[in-house]
Amino acid sequence: MARYVLTAFAYSTLLAEHGLNELPAPKQPSVPVRVMRQLADPLSIMLLAAGLVTLLVLGEVPESARHPAGERGHRG
């Protein structure tokens, strides 16, 4: 069985010619494609519809649905 040794010169030549032995990074889907994929899920559509019905019936966003980021430490 033959044993092949790659010299530093051969390595640098091959590296310069072909680049690293890596797969290209996968392309990320665009925002519209991601939105359409999300809306293709029936559960997402149902939750969106329920939120819109709640907004229409109550006329405002329920307090339990508000994000408390600005109200940390506040207990009222």
N, C-alpha and C. Protein backbone atom coordinates (compact mmCIF):
# COMPACT_ATOMS: atom_id res chain seq x y z
N MET A 1 0.84 -1.17 0.00
CA MET A 1 0.00 0.00 0.00
C MET A 1 0.90 1.24 0.00
N ALA A 2 0.64 2.15 -0.91
CA ALA A 2 1.46 3.35 -1.03
C ALA A 2 0.98 4.40 -0.02
N ARG A 3 1.94 5.13 0.49
CA ARG A 3 1.62 6.19 1.45
C ARG A 3 2.00 7.52 0.82
N TYR A 4 1.02 8.44 0.76
CA TYR A 4 1.26 9.74 0.13
C TYR A 4 1.44 10.79 1.21
N VAL A 5 2.44 11.63 1.05
CA VAL A 5 2.70 12.71 1.99
C VAL A 5 2.56 14.03 1.23
N LEU A 6 1.82 14.92 1.80
CA LEU A 6 1.60 16.23 1.18
C LEU A 6 2.60 17.21 1.77
N THR A 7 3.43 17.76 0.94
CA THR A 7 4.44 18.71 1.42
C THR A 7 3.76 20.06 1.68
N ALA A 8 4.45 20.88 2.43
CA ALA A 8 3.93 22.21 2.73
C ALA A 8 3.72 23.02 1.46
N PHE A 9 4.62 22.88 0.52
CA PHE A 9 4.50 23.60 -0.74
C PHE A 9 3.27 23.12 -1.52
N ALA A 10 3.09 21.80 -1.61
CA ALA A 10 1.93 21.25 -2.32
C ALA A 10 0.63 21.67 -1.62
N TYR A 11 0.66 21.66 -0.29
CA TYR A 11 -0.52 22.08 0.47
C TYR A 11 -0.87 23.54 0.17
N SER A 12 0.10 24.42 0.24
CA SER A 12 -0.18 25.85 0.00
C SER A 12 -0.62 26.08 -1.45
N THR A 13 -0.06 25.32 -2.39
CA THR A 13 -0.46 25.45 -3.79
C THR A 13 -1.90 25.02 -3.98
N LEU A 14 -2.25 23.86 -3.41
CA LEU A 14 -3.63 23.36 -3.52
C LEU A 14 -4.61 24.28 -2.80
N LEU A 15 -4.19 24.80 -1.65
CA LEU A 15 -5.06 25.71 -0.90
C LEU A 15 -5.33 26.98 -1.69
N ALA A 16 -4.30 27.52 -2.32
CA ALA A 16 -4.47 28.74 -3.13
C ALA A 16 -5.33 28.46 -4.36
N GLU A 17 -5.21 27.28 -4.92
CA GLU A 17 -5.93 26.95 -6.15
C GLU A 17 -7.41 26.60 -5.88
N HIS A 18 -7.65 25.82 -4.82
CA HIS A 18 -8.99 25.29 -4.59
C HIS A 18 -9.69 25.86 -3.36
N GLY A 19 -8.96 26.48 -2.47
CA GLY A 19 -9.56 27.00 -1.25
C GLY A 19 -9.70 25.90 -0.20
N LEU A 20 -10.32 26.26 0.91
CA LEU A 20 -10.51 25.31 2.01
C LEU A 20 -11.54 24.26 1.63
N ASN A 21 -11.46 23.12 2.27
CA ASN A 21 -12.39 22.01 2.03
C ASN A 21 -13.62 22.24 2.91
N GLU A 22 -14.46 23.19 2.50
CA GLU A 22 -15.65 23.54 3.26
C GLU A 22 -16.87 23.60 2.34
N LEU A 23 -18.00 23.29 2.92
CA LEU A 23 -19.26 23.48 2.20
C LEU A 23 -19.65 24.94 2.28
N PRO A 24 -20.27 25.49 1.26
CA PRO A 24 -20.72 26.87 1.34
C PRO A 24 -21.86 26.98 2.36
N ALA A 25 -21.93 28.12 3.02
CA ALA A 25 -22.99 28.35 4.00
C ALA A 25 -24.34 28.38 3.29
N PRO A 26 -25.36 27.76 3.88
CA PRO A 26 -26.67 27.78 3.24
C PRO A 26 -27.24 29.20 3.20
N LYS A 27 -27.93 29.52 2.12
CA LYS A 27 -28.51 30.85 1.97
C LYS A 27 -29.75 30.96 2.86
N GLN A 28 -29.83 32.04 3.60
CA GLN A 28 -30.97 32.26 4.48
C GLN A 28 -32.17 32.73 3.67
N PRO A 29 -33.36 32.22 3.97
CA PRO A 29 -34.55 32.68 3.23
C PRO A 29 -34.84 34.15 3.55
N SER A 30 -35.44 34.83 2.58
CA SER A 30 -35.76 36.24 2.77
C SER A 30 -36.92 36.40 3.76
N VAL A 31 -37.12 37.61 4.23
CA VAL A 31 -38.19 37.87 5.20
C VAL A 31 -39.57 37.52 4.63
N PRO A 32 -39.92 37.92 3.39
CA PRO A 32 -41.23 37.53 2.87
C PRO A 32 -41.43 36.01 2.80
N VAL A 33 -40.38 35.28 2.46
CA VAL A 33 -40.49 33.82 2.40
C VAL A 33 -40.72 33.26 3.80
N ARG A 34 -40.01 33.79 4.80
CA ARG A 34 -40.20 33.32 6.17
C ARG A 34 -41.60 33.64 6.67
N VAL A 35 -42.13 34.81 6.33
CA VAL A 35 -43.49 35.17 6.74
C VAL A 35 -44.50 34.24 6.09
N MET A 36 -44.34 33.95 4.81
CA MET A 36 -45.28 33.06 4.13
C MET A 36 -45.23 31.65 4.69
N ARG A 37 -44.04 31.17 5.04
CA ARG A 37 -43.93 29.85 5.66
C ARG A 37 -44.64 29.82 7.00
N GLN A 38 -44.50 30.90 7.75
CA GLN A 38 -45.14 30.96 9.06
C GLN A 38 -46.66 31.01 8.92
N LEU A 39 -47.13 31.77 7.94
CA LEU A 39 -48.58 31.88 7.74
C LEU A 39 -49.18 30.62 7.10
N ALA A 40 -48.35 29.75 6.58
CA ALA A 40 -48.86 28.49 6.02
C ALA A 40 -49.27 27.52 7.12
N ASP A 41 -48.84 27.76 8.35
CA ASP A 41 -49.18 26.91 9.47
C ASP A 41 -50.58 27.26 9.98
N PRO A 42 -51.52 26.30 10.01
CA PRO A 42 -52.89 26.59 10.45
C PRO A 42 -52.96 27.14 11.88
N LEU A 43 -52.09 26.67 12.77
CA LEU A 43 -52.11 27.17 14.14
C LEU A 43 -51.76 28.65 14.19
N SER A 44 -50.80 29.07 13.40
CA SER A 44 -50.43 30.48 13.35
C SER A 44 -51.59 31.33 12.85
N ILE A 45 -52.28 30.85 11.84
CA ILE A 45 -53.44 31.59 11.30
C ILE A 45 -54.53 31.68 12.37
N MET A 46 -54.78 30.58 13.09
CA MET A 46 -55.81 30.59 14.12
C MET A 46 -55.45 31.56 15.25
N LEU A 47 -54.20 31.57 15.68
CA LEU A 47 -53.79 32.50 16.74
C LEU A 47 -53.87 33.95 16.29
N LEU A 48 -53.49 34.21 15.05
CA LEU A 48 -53.59 35.56 14.52
C LEU A 48 -55.05 36.01 14.44
N ALA A 49 -55.92 35.13 13.98
CA ALA A 49 -57.35 35.45 13.90
C ALA A 49 -57.94 35.68 15.29
N ALA A 50 -57.56 34.85 16.26
CA ALA A 50 -58.06 35.03 17.63
C ALA A 50 -57.60 36.36 18.20
N GLY A 51 -56.36 36.75 17.92
CA GLY A 51 -55.88 38.04 18.39
C GLY A 51 -56.61 39.20 17.75
N LEU A 52 -56.90 39.09 16.46
CA LEU A 52 -57.65 40.15 15.78
C LEU A 52 -59.08 40.25 16.28
N VAL A 53 -59.73 39.11 16.53
CA VAL A 53 -61.09 39.12 17.08
C VAL A 53 -61.08 39.76 18.46
N THR A 54 -60.12 39.40 19.28
CA THR A 54 -60.01 40.00 20.62
C THR A 54 -59.83 41.50 20.52
N LEU A 55 -58.98 41.94 19.61
CA LEU A 55 -58.75 43.37 19.43
C LEU A 55 -60.02 44.08 18.97
N LEU A 56 -60.76 43.45 18.04
CA LEU A 56 -62.00 44.06 17.55
C LEU A 56 -63.09 44.08 18.60
N VAL A 57 -63.23 43.01 19.37
CA VAL A 57 -64.29 42.93 20.37
C VAL A 57 -64.01 43.87 21.54
N LEU A 58 -62.78 43.87 22.04
CA LEU A 58 -62.46 44.69 23.21
C LEU A 58 -62.11 46.13 22.83
N GLY A 59 -61.65 46.33 21.63
CA GLY A 59 -61.27 47.67 21.20
C GLY A 59 -59.91 48.10 21.72
N GLU A 60 -59.23 47.22 22.44
CA GLU A 60 -57.89 47.52 22.94
C GLU A 60 -57.14 46.22 23.18
N VAL A 61 -55.85 46.35 23.43
CA VAL A 61 -55.04 45.16 23.72
C VAL A 61 -55.24 44.81 25.18
N PRO A 62 -55.60 43.56 25.50
CA PRO A 62 -55.79 43.18 26.90
C PRO A 62 -54.52 43.40 27.71
N GLU A 63 -54.67 43.75 28.97
CA GLU A 63 -53.52 44.03 29.82
C GLU A 63 -52.62 42.82 29.94
N SER A 64 -53.18 41.62 29.94
CA SER A 64 -52.38 40.41 30.08
C SER A 64 -51.52 40.17 28.84
N ALA A 65 -51.82 40.81 27.71
CA ALA A 65 -51.06 40.62 26.49
C ALA A 65 -49.98 41.67 26.30
N ARG A 66 -49.95 42.68 27.14
CA ARG A 66 -48.94 43.72 27.00
C ARG A 66 -47.60 43.23 27.49
N HIS A 67 -46.55 43.69 26.83
CA HIS A 67 -45.19 43.28 27.18
C HIS A 67 -44.73 44.08 28.39
N PRO A 68 -44.31 43.41 29.45
CA PRO A 68 -43.93 44.12 30.68
C PRO A 68 -42.50 44.62 30.71
N ALA A 69 -41.82 44.74 29.58
CA ALA A 69 -40.41 45.11 29.57
C ALA A 69 -40.16 46.46 30.24
N GLY A 70 -41.03 47.41 30.00
CA GLY A 70 -40.84 48.74 30.58
C GLY A 70 -41.39 48.86 31.99
N GLU A 71 -42.02 47.82 32.49
CA GLU A 71 -42.68 47.89 33.79
C GLU A 71 -42.00 46.98 34.81
N ARG A 72 -40.73 46.72 34.67
CA ARG A 72 -40.04 45.84 35.62
C ARG A 72 -39.99 46.49 36.99
N GLY A 73 -40.27 45.69 37.99
CA GLY A 73 -40.22 46.19 39.35
C GLY A 73 -41.47 46.93 39.77
N HIS A 74 -42.37 47.17 38.83
CA HIS A 74 -43.62 47.88 39.15
C HIS A 74 -44.68 46.89 39.56
N ARG A 75 -45.23 47.06 40.70
CA ARG A 75 -46.36 46.26 41.14
C ARG A 75 -47.47 47.24 41.52
N GLY A 76 -48.55 47.22 40.78
CA GLY A 76 -49.55 48.24 41.00
C GLY A 76 -50.81 47.83 41.56
